[in-house]
C-alpha cells in the first residue's frame, strides 16, 4: 500500500513541478500557455511551420520553450520506455 501511495505522491509532485515550469516558461499571465499551445497545435501538421513556431516561442521565452520541450520529450520517452519494459 505504501508503494502505491508513494507512486501517487511522486506523480502529483511531478505534475506540480511541470505546471510550475510551464508557468515560468510562458509567464504568469492567464493565457500565455493557452496561446503557446494554440499556435503549436495550429502548426503541428507542417514540420516547417512547426519549426518556425518552435523558434518563435523560443525567442519569446528566452529559449525556455525549447529547453522545456526537450525536457518534456525526454520525460515522455522515459515513461514510454518504462511502459514497454513493464509489458514484456
Protein backbone atom coordinates (compact mmCIF):
# COMPACT_ATOMS: atom_id res chain seq x y z
CA UNK A 1 0.00 0.00 0.00
CA UNK A 2 2.84 2.41 0.83
CA UNK A 3 4.46 1.79 -2.56
CA UNK A 4 1.26 2.73 -4.38
CA UNK A 5 0.86 5.80 -2.18
CA UNK A 6 4.48 6.81 -2.84
CA UNK A 7 3.96 6.49 -6.60
CA UNK A 8 0.85 8.66 -6.44
CA UNK A 9 2.75 11.30 -4.44
CA UNK A 10 5.61 11.17 -6.97
CA UNK A 11 3.20 11.70 -9.86
CA UNK A 12 1.45 14.56 -8.06
CA UNK A 13 4.81 16.18 -7.33
CA UNK A 14 5.86 15.69 -10.97
CA UNK A 15 2.68 17.35 -12.24
CA UNK A 16 3.10 20.23 -9.77
CA UNK A 17 6.70 20.79 -10.88
CA UNK A 18 5.69 20.52 -14.53
CA UNK A 19 2.99 23.16 -14.09
CA UNK A 20 5.38 25.49 -12.26
CA UNK A 21 7.91 25.09 -15.05
CA UNK A 22 5.26 25.78 -17.67
CA UNK A 23 4.21 28.93 -15.84
CA UNK A 24 7.79 30.13 -15.58
CA UNK A 25 8.29 29.42 -19.27
CA UNK A 26 5.19 31.15 -20.64
CA UNK A 27 4.67 33.72 -17.94
CA UNK A 28 2.15 34.08 -15.18
CA UNK A 29 -0.43 35.64 -17.47
CA UNK A 30 -3.58 33.58 -17.56
CA UNK A 31 -3.47 32.92 -21.30
CA UNK A 32 0.27 32.63 -22.05
CA UNK A 33 0.30 28.84 -22.06
CA UNK A 34 -3.02 28.69 -23.93
CA UNK A 35 -1.61 30.89 -26.70
CA UNK A 36 1.57 28.82 -26.95
CA UNK A 37 -0.38 25.55 -27.12
CA UNK A 38 -2.81 27.01 -29.64
CA UNK A 39 -0.16 28.15 -32.07
CA UNK A 40 1.76 24.88 -31.70
CA UNK A 41 -1.41 22.88 -32.35
CA UNK A 42 -2.19 25.03 -35.39
CA UNK A 43 1.27 24.32 -36.84
CA UNK A 44 1.51 20.63 -35.96
CA UNK A 45 0.68 19.32 -39.45
CA UNK A 46 3.60 21.03 -41.13
CA UNK A 47 7.12 20.24 -40.00
CA UNK A 48 8.43 23.51 -41.43
CA UNK A 49 5.71 25.63 -39.80
CA UNK A 50 6.11 23.79 -36.50
CA UNK A 51 9.84 24.50 -36.64
CA UNK A 52 9.12 28.21 -37.17
CA UNK A 53 6.63 28.24 -34.29
CA UNK A 54 9.13 26.50 -32.02
CA UNK A 55 11.75 29.08 -32.94
CA UNK A 56 9.31 31.95 -32.34
CA UNK A 57 8.23 30.60 -28.95
CA UNK A 58 11.86 30.06 -28.00
CA UNK A 59 12.72 33.67 -28.89
CA UNK A 60 9.72 34.99 -26.97
CA UNK A 61 10.57 32.92 -23.87
CA UNK A 62 14.34 33.47 -23.86
CA UNK A 63 14.85 29.87 -25.05
CA UNK A 64 12.82 28.42 -22.16
CA UNK A 65 10.34 26.92 -24.65
CA UNK A 66 12.97 24.84 -26.43
CA UNK A 67 14.54 23.76 -23.13
CA UNK A 68 11.18 22.76 -21.67
CA UNK A 69 10.07 20.96 -24.85
CA UNK A 70 13.30 18.97 -24.90
CA UNK A 71 12.99 18.04 -21.23
CA UNK A 72 9.32 17.13 -21.65
CA UNK A 73 10.07 14.97 -24.70
CA UNK A 74 12.81 13.14 -22.76
CA UNK A 75 10.47 12.53 -19.80
CA UNK A 76 7.73 11.20 -22.05
CA UNK A 77 10.21 8.89 -23.80
CA UNK A 78 11.34 7.55 -20.42
CA UNK A 79 7.70 6.92 -19.43
CA UNK A 80 7.04 5.16 -22.75
CA UNK A 81 10.18 3.03 -22.40
CA UNK A 82 9.15 2.15 -18.83
CA UNK A 83 5.71 1.07 -20.01
CA UNK A 84 7.20 -1.10 -22.73
CA UNK A 85 9.63 -2.81 -20.37
CA UNK A 86 6.82 -3.48 -17.86
CA UNK A 87 4.63 -5.11 -20.52
CA UNK A 88 7.27 -7.64 -21.61
